[in-house]
Amino acid sequence: MIVRVLALVGGLTGAAGLSQFPEYSQQYMQRLGGAVDELGRSVQRLESDARRVGLTPAEYLAALSGEGDLAAKQAGNLRADLARYDRLRADLRALEGAGPFMRAKLATHLGDRQIATRAFDAYKPAMPLTFEGAVFAGTGFLAGWAVLGFVLAALRGVGRGVVGTVRRG
């Protein structure tokens, strides 16, 4: 009886947690779009500055790196921004137009730690009243039930082995 109650609790916990994915992933995408827009402005400014002096962005950053420690540090920061912009833009392209189920399949594109942290900090859990939320809740319930049931069954098996050893010994 206790095992069934614990498995039910595991299922309900999984349902509550996974049902939040559709809305959280939507908020992540909104923040991702904002980050891409903001980094895009920085990239455009860098490209414009490079064009003004007749250089490509790569040549501009190489020249900037040779201007001393402070300029080299700034060039390194700009390179990191360019790389992040490219990565986030690719993630946004992969996720654009994707519904909640497809976003779950493409979850590797939801991996920017900074964006995820900010989305999570601002996120307020709610009861999902959509088809997608219900499917994610059901999946979470089954996963939670199965995982906790498996763990409890394994522990029960280990417990029987220990009790049997103690009784024999």
N, C-alpha and C. Protein backbone atom coordinates (compact mmCIF):
# COMPACT_ATOMS: atom_id res chain seq x y z
N MET A 1 0.82 -1.20 0.00
CA MET A 1 0.00 0.00 0.00
C MET A 1 0.86 1.26 0.00
N ILE A 2 1.88 1.28 0.86
CA ILE A 2 2.76 2.45 0.94
C ILE A 2 3.49 2.66 -0.38
N VAL A 3 3.91 1.54 -0.99
CA VAL A 3 4.62 1.64 -2.27
C VAL A 3 3.71 2.26 -3.33
N ARG A 4 2.45 1.88 -3.36
CA ARG A 4 1.52 2.45 -4.35
C ARG A 4 1.31 3.94 -4.11
N VAL A 5 1.20 4.32 -2.85
CA VAL A 5 1.02 5.74 -2.52
C VAL A 5 2.26 6.52 -2.94
N LEU A 6 3.45 5.97 -2.64
CA LEU A 6 4.69 6.66 -3.04
C LEU A 6 4.81 6.75 -4.56
N ALA A 7 4.42 5.68 -5.26
CA ALA A 7 4.45 5.72 -6.72
C ALA A 7 3.47 6.76 -7.25
N LEU A 8 2.30 6.85 -6.63
CA LEU A 8 1.32 7.87 -7.03
C LEU A 8 1.89 9.27 -6.80
N VAL A 9 2.55 9.47 -5.66
CA VAL A 9 3.18 10.77 -5.38
C VAL A 9 4.25 11.07 -6.44
N GLY A 10 5.04 10.06 -6.79
CA GLY A 10 6.04 10.25 -7.85
C GLY A 10 5.40 10.62 -9.17
N GLY A 11 4.28 9.96 -9.49
CA GLY A 11 3.57 10.27 -10.72
C GLY A 11 3.01 11.68 -10.72
N LEU A 12 2.42 12.08 -9.62
CA LEU A 12 1.86 13.43 -9.53
C LEU A 12 2.96 14.49 -9.59
N THR A 13 4.10 14.21 -8.97
CA THR A 13 5.23 15.14 -9.03
C THR A 13 5.73 15.27 -10.47
N GLY A 14 5.86 14.14 -11.15
CA GLY A 14 6.27 14.18 -12.56
C GLY A 14 5.27 14.94 -13.41
N ALA A 15 3.98 14.72 -13.16
CA ALA A 15 2.94 15.42 -13.92
C ALA A 15 3.02 16.92 -13.70
N ALA A 16 3.15 17.32 -12.44
CA ALA A 16 3.22 18.76 -12.13
C ALA A 16 4.45 19.39 -12.77
N GLY A 17 5.57 18.70 -12.72
CA GLY A 17 6.80 19.26 -13.28
C GLY A 17 6.78 19.33 -14.80
N LEU A 18 6.50 18.22 -15.44
CA LEU A 18 6.57 18.19 -16.90
C LEU A 18 5.45 18.99 -17.56
N SER A 19 4.34 19.17 -16.88
CA SER A 19 3.25 19.95 -17.47
C SER A 19 3.64 21.42 -17.65
N GLN A 20 4.69 21.85 -16.98
CA GLN A 20 5.13 23.24 -17.07
C GLN A 20 6.00 23.49 -18.31
N PHE A 21 6.47 22.42 -18.96
CA PHE A 21 7.40 22.58 -20.08
C PHE A 21 6.87 23.46 -21.21
N PRO A 22 5.63 23.28 -21.68
CA PRO A 22 5.19 24.10 -22.82
C PRO A 22 5.32 25.61 -22.56
N GLU A 23 4.88 26.07 -21.41
CA GLU A 23 4.94 27.51 -21.12
C GLU A 23 6.36 27.97 -20.84
N TYR A 24 7.13 27.16 -20.11
CA TYR A 24 8.52 27.54 -19.83
C TYR A 24 9.30 27.65 -21.14
N SER A 25 9.13 26.67 -22.03
CA SER A 25 9.88 26.71 -23.29
C SER A 25 9.46 27.90 -24.14
N GLN A 26 8.20 28.31 -24.05
CA GLN A 26 7.75 29.51 -24.76
C GLN A 26 8.44 30.75 -24.20
N GLN A 27 8.53 30.84 -22.88
CA GLN A 27 9.22 31.98 -22.27
C GLN A 27 10.70 31.96 -22.60
N TYR A 28 11.29 30.77 -22.65
CA TYR A 28 12.70 30.66 -23.03
C TYR A 28 12.88 31.21 -24.45
N MET A 29 11.98 30.82 -25.35
CA MET A 29 12.09 31.29 -26.74
C MET A 29 11.97 32.81 -26.84
N GLN A 30 11.08 33.40 -26.05
CA GLN A 30 10.95 34.86 -26.07
C GLN A 30 12.26 35.51 -25.63
N ARG A 31 12.86 34.99 -24.59
CA ARG A 31 14.14 35.53 -24.13
C ARG A 31 15.25 35.26 -25.15
N LEU A 32 15.20 34.10 -25.78
CA LEU A 32 16.18 33.77 -26.81
C LEU A 32 16.09 34.77 -27.96
N GLY A 33 14.89 35.07 -28.40
CA GLY A 33 14.70 36.06 -29.46
C GLY A 33 15.23 37.42 -29.07
N GLY A 34 14.98 37.83 -27.83
CA GLY A 34 15.50 39.11 -27.35
C GLY A 34 17.02 39.14 -27.31
N ALA A 35 17.63 38.04 -26.89
CA ALA A 35 19.09 37.97 -26.84
C ALA A 35 19.68 38.03 -28.25
N VAL A 36 19.05 37.33 -29.19
CA VAL A 36 19.53 37.35 -30.58
C VAL A 36 19.41 38.76 -31.15
N ASP A 37 18.31 39.43 -30.88
CA ASP A 37 18.13 40.81 -31.37
C ASP A 37 19.21 41.73 -30.80
N GLU A 38 19.45 41.64 -29.51
CA GLU A 38 20.43 42.52 -28.86
C GLU A 38 21.85 42.23 -29.35
N LEU A 39 22.21 40.96 -29.42
CA LEU A 39 23.54 40.62 -29.94
C LEU A 39 23.66 41.00 -31.41
N GLY A 40 22.55 40.91 -32.15
CA GLY A 40 22.57 41.30 -33.57
C GLY A 40 22.92 42.77 -33.74
N ARG A 41 22.43 43.61 -32.84
CA ARG A 41 22.79 45.04 -32.91
C ARG A 41 24.29 45.23 -32.67
N SER A 42 24.84 44.49 -31.75
CA SER A 42 26.29 44.59 -31.48
C SER A 42 27.09 44.11 -32.68
N VAL A 43 26.63 43.03 -33.30
CA VAL A 43 27.33 42.49 -34.48
C VAL A 43 27.25 43.50 -35.62
N GLN A 44 26.10 44.11 -35.83
CA GLN A 44 25.97 45.11 -36.89
C GLN A 44 26.89 46.30 -36.64
N ARG A 45 27.00 46.71 -35.39
CA ARG A 45 27.88 47.82 -35.04
C ARG A 45 29.34 47.45 -35.33
N LEU A 46 29.74 46.23 -34.98
CA LEU A 46 31.10 45.76 -35.25
C LEU A 46 31.35 45.71 -36.76
N GLU A 47 30.42 45.17 -37.52
CA GLU A 47 30.58 45.10 -38.97
C GLU A 47 30.67 46.49 -39.58
N SER A 48 29.87 47.41 -39.09
CA SER A 48 29.89 48.79 -39.58
C SER A 48 31.23 49.46 -39.27
N ASP A 49 31.72 49.29 -38.05
CA ASP A 49 33.02 49.86 -37.68
C ASP A 49 34.14 49.29 -38.55
N ALA A 50 34.08 47.99 -38.80
CA ALA A 50 35.11 47.35 -39.63
C ALA A 50 35.05 47.89 -41.06
N ARG A 51 33.86 48.03 -41.62
CA ARG A 51 33.71 48.55 -42.98
C ARG A 51 34.25 49.97 -43.10
N ARG A 52 34.01 50.79 -42.07
CA ARG A 52 34.47 52.18 -42.10
C ARG A 52 35.99 52.30 -42.25
N VAL A 53 36.70 51.32 -41.73
CA VAL A 53 38.16 51.36 -41.85
C VAL A 53 38.67 50.39 -42.90
N GLY A 54 37.76 49.85 -43.72
CA GLY A 54 38.15 49.01 -44.85
C GLY A 54 38.59 47.61 -44.47
N LEU A 55 38.06 47.06 -43.38
CA LEU A 55 38.45 45.72 -42.94
C LEU A 55 37.22 44.82 -42.81
N THR A 56 37.49 43.53 -42.84
CA THR A 56 36.43 42.57 -42.49
C THR A 56 36.34 42.53 -40.97
N PRO A 57 35.27 42.02 -40.42
CA PRO A 57 35.20 41.92 -38.96
C PRO A 57 36.36 41.12 -38.36
N ALA A 58 36.77 40.04 -39.01
CA ALA A 58 37.89 39.24 -38.50
C ALA A 58 39.18 40.06 -38.51
N GLU A 59 39.41 40.80 -39.60
CA GLU A 59 40.62 41.65 -39.67
C GLU A 59 40.56 42.76 -38.63
N TYR A 60 39.39 43.32 -38.44
CA TYR A 60 39.20 44.38 -37.46
C TYR A 60 39.54 43.88 -36.06
N LEU A 61 39.05 42.69 -35.72
CA LEU A 61 39.32 42.13 -34.40
C LEU A 61 40.80 41.78 -34.24
N ALA A 62 41.43 41.31 -35.32
CA ALA A 62 42.87 41.01 -35.25
C ALA A 62 43.65 42.29 -35.02
N ALA A 63 43.29 43.36 -35.72
CA ALA A 63 43.98 44.65 -35.53
C ALA A 63 43.73 45.18 -34.12
N LEU A 64 42.53 45.06 -33.64
CA LEU A 64 42.20 45.51 -32.29
C LEU A 64 43.00 44.74 -31.25
N SER A 65 43.20 43.46 -31.47
CA SER A 65 43.96 42.63 -30.53
C SER A 65 45.40 43.09 -30.39
N GLY A 66 45.94 43.69 -31.44
CA GLY A 66 47.33 44.15 -31.41
C GLY A 66 47.52 45.52 -30.79
N GLU A 67 46.47 46.14 -30.30
CA GLU A 67 46.53 47.50 -29.77
C GLU A 67 46.79 47.58 -28.27
N GLY A 68 47.19 46.51 -27.65
CA GLY A 68 47.47 46.52 -26.22
C GLY A 68 46.54 45.58 -25.46
N ASP A 69 46.82 45.44 -24.17
CA ASP A 69 46.09 44.47 -23.35
C ASP A 69 44.60 44.77 -23.26
N LEU A 70 44.26 46.01 -23.04
CA LEU A 70 42.85 46.38 -22.90
C LEU A 70 42.09 46.13 -24.21
N ALA A 71 42.68 46.53 -25.32
CA ALA A 71 42.04 46.32 -26.62
C ALA A 71 41.96 44.83 -26.96
N ALA A 72 42.99 44.07 -26.58
CA ALA A 72 42.98 42.63 -26.83
C ALA A 72 41.85 41.96 -26.04
N LYS A 73 41.67 42.41 -24.81
CA LYS A 73 40.58 41.88 -23.98
C LYS A 73 39.23 42.21 -24.63
N GLN A 74 39.08 43.45 -25.12
CA GLN A 74 37.84 43.85 -25.78
C GLN A 74 37.61 43.02 -27.05
N ALA A 75 38.66 42.77 -27.81
CA ALA A 75 38.53 41.95 -29.02
C ALA A 75 38.09 40.53 -28.66
N GLY A 76 38.64 40.00 -27.58
CA GLY A 76 38.23 38.67 -27.12
C GLY A 76 36.76 38.63 -26.73
N ASN A 77 36.31 39.68 -26.05
CA ASN A 77 34.89 39.77 -25.68
C ASN A 77 34.00 39.84 -26.92
N LEU A 78 34.44 40.61 -27.91
CA LEU A 78 33.66 40.72 -29.15
C LEU A 78 33.60 39.39 -29.89
N ARG A 79 34.72 38.65 -29.89
CA ARG A 79 34.72 37.32 -30.53
C ARG A 79 33.74 36.39 -29.81
N ALA A 80 33.74 36.44 -28.48
CA ALA A 80 32.81 35.61 -27.71
C ALA A 80 31.37 36.00 -28.02
N ASP A 81 31.10 37.30 -28.15
CA ASP A 81 29.76 37.76 -28.50
C ASP A 81 29.35 37.26 -29.89
N LEU A 82 30.28 37.31 -30.83
CA LEU A 82 30.00 36.82 -32.19
C LEU A 82 29.66 35.34 -32.17
N ALA A 83 30.46 34.56 -31.43
CA ALA A 83 30.22 33.12 -31.35
C ALA A 83 28.87 32.83 -30.70
N ARG A 84 28.57 33.55 -29.63
CA ARG A 84 27.28 33.35 -28.94
C ARG A 84 26.12 33.75 -29.86
N TYR A 85 26.29 34.84 -30.58
CA TYR A 85 25.25 35.29 -31.51
C TYR A 85 24.97 34.20 -32.54
N ASP A 86 26.03 33.65 -33.12
CA ASP A 86 25.85 32.60 -34.13
C ASP A 86 25.14 31.38 -33.54
N ARG A 87 25.55 30.97 -32.33
CA ARG A 87 24.96 29.81 -31.67
C ARG A 87 23.48 30.06 -31.34
N LEU A 88 23.19 31.22 -30.75
CA LEU A 88 21.81 31.52 -30.36
C LEU A 88 20.91 31.71 -31.58
N ARG A 89 21.46 32.32 -32.62
CA ARG A 89 20.67 32.51 -33.84
C ARG A 89 20.32 31.16 -34.46
N ALA A 90 21.27 30.21 -34.44
CA ALA A 90 21.00 28.86 -34.95
C ALA A 90 19.94 28.17 -34.09
N ASP A 91 20.02 28.34 -32.77
CA ASP A 91 19.00 27.76 -31.88
C ASP A 91 17.63 28.35 -32.18
N LEU A 92 17.58 29.66 -32.35
CA LEU A 92 16.30 30.32 -32.63
C LEU A 92 15.71 29.84 -33.95
N ARG A 93 16.55 29.71 -34.96
CA ARG A 93 16.07 29.21 -36.26
C ARG A 93 15.49 27.81 -36.13
N ALA A 94 16.17 26.96 -35.34
CA ALA A 94 15.69 25.59 -35.16
C ALA A 94 14.36 25.55 -34.43
N LEU A 95 14.16 26.47 -33.50
CA LEU A 95 12.96 26.45 -32.65
C LEU A 95 11.79 27.26 -33.21
N GLU A 96 12.06 28.20 -34.11
CA GLU A 96 10.99 29.06 -34.64
C GLU A 96 9.92 28.22 -35.31
N GLY A 97 8.69 28.49 -34.95
CA GLY A 97 7.57 27.77 -35.54
C GLY A 97 7.31 26.41 -34.92
N ALA A 98 8.16 25.98 -34.00
CA ALA A 98 7.98 24.68 -33.37
C ALA A 98 6.96 24.78 -32.24
N GLY A 99 6.05 23.85 -32.21
CA GLY A 99 5.09 23.79 -31.11
C GLY A 99 5.74 23.12 -29.90
N PRO A 100 5.00 22.97 -28.83
CA PRO A 100 5.57 22.41 -27.60
C PRO A 100 6.16 21.01 -27.77
N PHE A 101 5.52 20.16 -28.57
CA PHE A 101 6.03 18.80 -28.74
C PHE A 101 7.35 18.83 -29.50
N MET A 102 7.42 19.65 -30.53
CA MET A 102 8.65 19.75 -31.30
C MET A 102 9.75 20.40 -30.47
N ARG A 103 9.40 21.40 -29.64
CA ARG A 103 10.40 22.02 -28.76
C ARG A 103 10.97 21.00 -27.79
N ALA A 104 10.13 20.06 -27.33
CA ALA A 104 10.63 19.00 -26.45
C ALA A 104 11.63 18.14 -27.21
N LYS A 105 11.33 17.84 -28.46
CA LYS A 105 12.25 17.05 -29.28
C LYS A 105 13.55 17.82 -29.53
N LEU A 106 13.45 19.13 -29.65
CA LEU A 106 14.60 19.99 -29.93
C LEU A 106 15.17 20.62 -28.65
N ALA A 107 14.99 19.96 -27.53
CA ALA A 107 15.37 20.54 -26.23
C ALA A 107 16.84 20.91 -26.14
N THR A 108 17.70 20.32 -26.96
CA THR A 108 19.12 20.70 -26.93
C THR A 108 19.31 22.15 -27.35
N HIS A 109 18.33 22.71 -28.03
CA HIS A 109 18.41 24.12 -28.44
C HIS A 109 17.90 25.06 -27.35
N LEU A 110 17.56 24.51 -26.20
CA LEU A 110 17.10 25.31 -25.07
C LEU A 110 18.18 25.35 -23.99
N GLY A 111 19.44 25.28 -24.41
CA GLY A 111 20.50 25.06 -23.44
C GLY A 111 21.37 26.22 -23.04
N ASP A 112 21.06 27.44 -23.44
CA ASP A 112 21.90 28.55 -23.02
C ASP A 112 21.64 28.82 -21.54
N ARG A 113 22.68 28.65 -20.72
CA ARG A 113 22.52 28.75 -19.27
C ARG A 113 22.00 30.11 -18.84
N GLN A 114 22.53 31.17 -19.42
CA GLN A 114 22.14 32.52 -19.03
C GLN A 114 20.65 32.77 -19.33
N ILE A 115 20.23 32.39 -20.51
CA ILE A 115 18.82 32.58 -20.89
C ILE A 115 17.92 31.67 -20.06
N ALA A 116 18.33 30.42 -19.87
CA ALA A 116 17.53 29.48 -19.09
C ALA A 116 17.35 29.97 -17.65
N THR A 117 18.42 30.49 -17.06
CA THR A 117 18.35 30.99 -15.69
C THR A 117 17.39 32.16 -15.58
N ARG A 118 17.51 33.08 -16.52
CA ARG A 118 16.62 34.26 -16.48
C ARG A 118 15.16 33.87 -16.75
N ALA A 119 14.96 32.95 -17.67
CA ALA A 119 13.58 32.50 -17.94
C ALA A 119 13.02 31.79 -16.71
N PHE A 120 13.82 30.97 -16.07
CA PHE A 120 13.36 30.25 -14.88
C PHE A 120 13.08 31.20 -13.72
N ASP A 121 13.94 32.20 -13.55
CA ASP A 121 13.75 33.18 -12.47
C ASP A 121 12.44 33.95 -12.64
N ALA A 122 12.07 34.25 -13.87
CA ALA A 122 10.86 35.03 -14.14
C ALA A 122 9.61 34.15 -14.27
N TYR A 123 9.81 32.85 -14.43
CA TYR A 123 8.70 31.94 -14.69
C TYR A 123 7.84 31.73 -13.45
N LYS A 124 6.55 31.74 -13.64
CA LYS A 124 5.58 31.46 -12.58
C LYS A 124 4.78 30.23 -12.98
N PRO A 125 4.93 29.12 -12.26
CA PRO A 125 4.19 27.90 -12.61
C PRO A 125 2.67 28.15 -12.59
N ALA A 126 1.98 27.46 -13.46
CA ALA A 126 0.53 27.60 -13.54
C ALA A 126 -0.07 26.27 -13.95
N MET A 127 -1.34 26.13 -13.75
CA MET A 127 -2.04 24.92 -14.17
C MET A 127 -2.26 24.99 -15.67
N PRO A 128 -1.65 24.06 -16.43
CA PRO A 128 -1.81 24.10 -17.89
C PRO A 128 -3.19 23.58 -18.30
N LEU A 129 -3.90 24.38 -19.04
CA LEU A 129 -5.23 24.00 -19.47
C LEU A 129 -5.29 23.84 -20.99
N THR A 130 -4.18 23.39 -21.55
CA THR A 130 -4.12 23.16 -22.99
C THR A 130 -3.94 21.68 -23.25
N PHE A 131 -4.17 21.27 -24.47
CA PHE A 131 -3.95 19.88 -24.85
C PHE A 131 -2.49 19.50 -24.62
N GLU A 132 -1.58 20.40 -25.04
CA GLU A 132 -0.16 20.12 -24.88
C GLU A 132 0.20 19.96 -23.41
N GLY A 133 -0.32 20.86 -22.57
CA GLY A 133 -0.04 20.77 -21.14
C GLY A 133 -0.54 19.46 -20.56
N ALA A 134 -1.72 19.02 -21.00
CA ALA A 134 -2.28 17.75 -20.52
C ALA A 134 -1.41 16.57 -20.96
N VAL A 135 -0.94 16.59 -22.19
CA VAL A 135 -0.08 15.51 -22.67
C VAL A 135 1.23 15.48 -21.89
N PHE A 136 1.84 16.65 -21.69
CA PHE A 136 3.08 16.69 -20.92
C PHE A 136 2.82 16.26 -19.47
N ALA A 137 1.69 16.64 -18.90
CA ALA A 137 1.35 16.23 -17.53
C ALA A 137 1.19 14.71 -17.47
N GLY A 138 0.49 14.14 -18.44
CA GLY A 138 0.31 12.69 -18.47
C GLY A 138 1.63 11.96 -18.63
N THR A 139 2.48 12.48 -19.50
CA THR A 139 3.80 11.88 -19.70
C THR A 139 4.62 11.98 -18.42
N GLY A 140 4.58 13.13 -17.79
CA GLY A 140 5.31 13.31 -16.54
C GLY A 140 4.78 12.39 -15.45
N PHE A 141 3.46 12.22 -15.39
CA PHE A 141 2.87 11.32 -14.39
C PHE A 141 3.37 9.90 -14.61
N LEU A 142 3.30 9.42 -15.85
CA LEU A 142 3.75 8.06 -16.13
C LEU A 142 5.25 7.89 -15.85
N ALA A 143 6.04 8.89 -16.24
CA ALA A 143 7.48 8.81 -16.00
C ALA A 143 7.78 8.82 -14.50
N GLY A 144 7.15 9.71 -13.77
CA GLY A 144 7.36 9.77 -12.32
C GLY A 144 6.93 8.49 -11.63
N TRP A 145 5.77 7.97 -12.03
CA TRP A 145 5.26 6.72 -11.46
C TRP A 145 6.25 5.59 -11.75
N ALA A 146 6.68 5.48 -13.00
CA ALA A 146 7.57 4.39 -13.40
C ALA A 146 8.93 4.48 -12.70
N VAL A 147 9.51 5.67 -12.68
CA VAL A 147 10.84 5.82 -12.06
C VAL A 147 10.77 5.50 -10.58
N LEU A 148 9.83 6.09 -9.88
CA LEU A 148 9.73 5.85 -8.44
C LEU A 148 9.35 4.39 -8.17
N GLY A 149 8.47 3.83 -8.97
CA GLY A 149 8.11 2.41 -8.82
C GLY A 149 9.32 1.51 -9.02
N PHE A 150 10.14 1.82 -10.02
CA PHE A 150 11.35 1.04 -10.29
C PHE A 150 12.33 1.14 -9.12
N VAL A 151 12.55 2.35 -8.63
CA VAL A 151 13.47 2.56 -7.51
C VAL A 151 12.98 1.81 -6.28
N LEU A 152 11.70 1.93 -5.98
CA LEU A 152 11.15 1.24 -4.81
C LEU A 152 11.22 -0.27 -4.96
N ALA A 153 10.95 -0.78 -6.16
CA ALA A 153 11.05 -2.23 -6.40
C ALA A 153 12.49 -2.70 -6.22
N ALA A 154 13.44 -1.91 -6.72
CA ALA A 154 14.85 -2.27 -6.56
C ALA A 154 15.24 -2.27 -5.09
N LEU A 155 14.79 -1.26 -4.36
CA LEU A 155 15.10 -1.19 -2.93
C LEU A 155 14.44 -2.34 -2.17
N ARG A 156 13.24 -2.71 -2.57
CA ARG A 156 12.57 -3.83 -1.94
C ARG A 156 13.36 -5.11 -2.16
N GLY A 157 13.88 -5.29 -3.38
CA GLY A 157 14.69 -6.47 -3.69
C GLY A 157 15.97 -6.50 -2.87
N VAL A 158 16.61 -5.35 -2.73
CA VAL A 158 17.83 -5.26 -1.91
C VAL A 158 17.49 -5.55 -0.46
N GLY A 159 16.38 -4.99 0.01
CA GLY A 159 15.95 -5.21 1.40
C GLY A 159 15.68 -6.68 1.67
N ARG A 160 15.07 -7.38 0.76
CA ARG A 160 14.81 -8.81 0.94
C ARG A 160 16.11 -9.59 1.01
N GLY A 161 17.08 -9.19 0.19
CA GLY A 161 18.39 -9.87 0.23
C GLY A 161 19.08 -9.67 1.55
N VAL A 162 19.01 -8.47 2.10
CA VAL A 162 19.64 -8.17 3.39
C VAL A 162 18.94 -8.93 4.51
N VAL A 163 17.59 -8.92 4.51
CA VAL A 163 16.83 -9.62 5.54
C VAL A 163 17.11 -11.11 5.48
N GLY A 164 17.15 -11.66 4.28
CA GLY A 164 17.44 -13.09 4.13
C GLY A 164 18.83 -13.44 4.64
N THR A 165 19.80 -12.58 4.38
CA THR A 165 21.17 -12.81 4.85
C THR A 165 21.23 -12.73 6.36
N VAL A 166 20.54 -11.77 6.95
CA VAL A 166 20.53 -11.60 8.41
C VAL A 166 19.86 -12.80 9.06
N ARG A 167 18.75 -13.27 8.50
CA ARG A 167 18.03 -14.42 9.08
C ARG A 167 18.87 -15.69 8.99
N ARG A 168 19.57 -15.88 7.89
CA ARG A 168 20.39 -17.07 7.70
C ARG A 168 21.62 -17.05 8.60
N GLY A 169 22.16 -15.84 8.80
CA GLY A 169 23.43 -15.68 9.52
C GLY A 169 23.27 -15.79 10.96
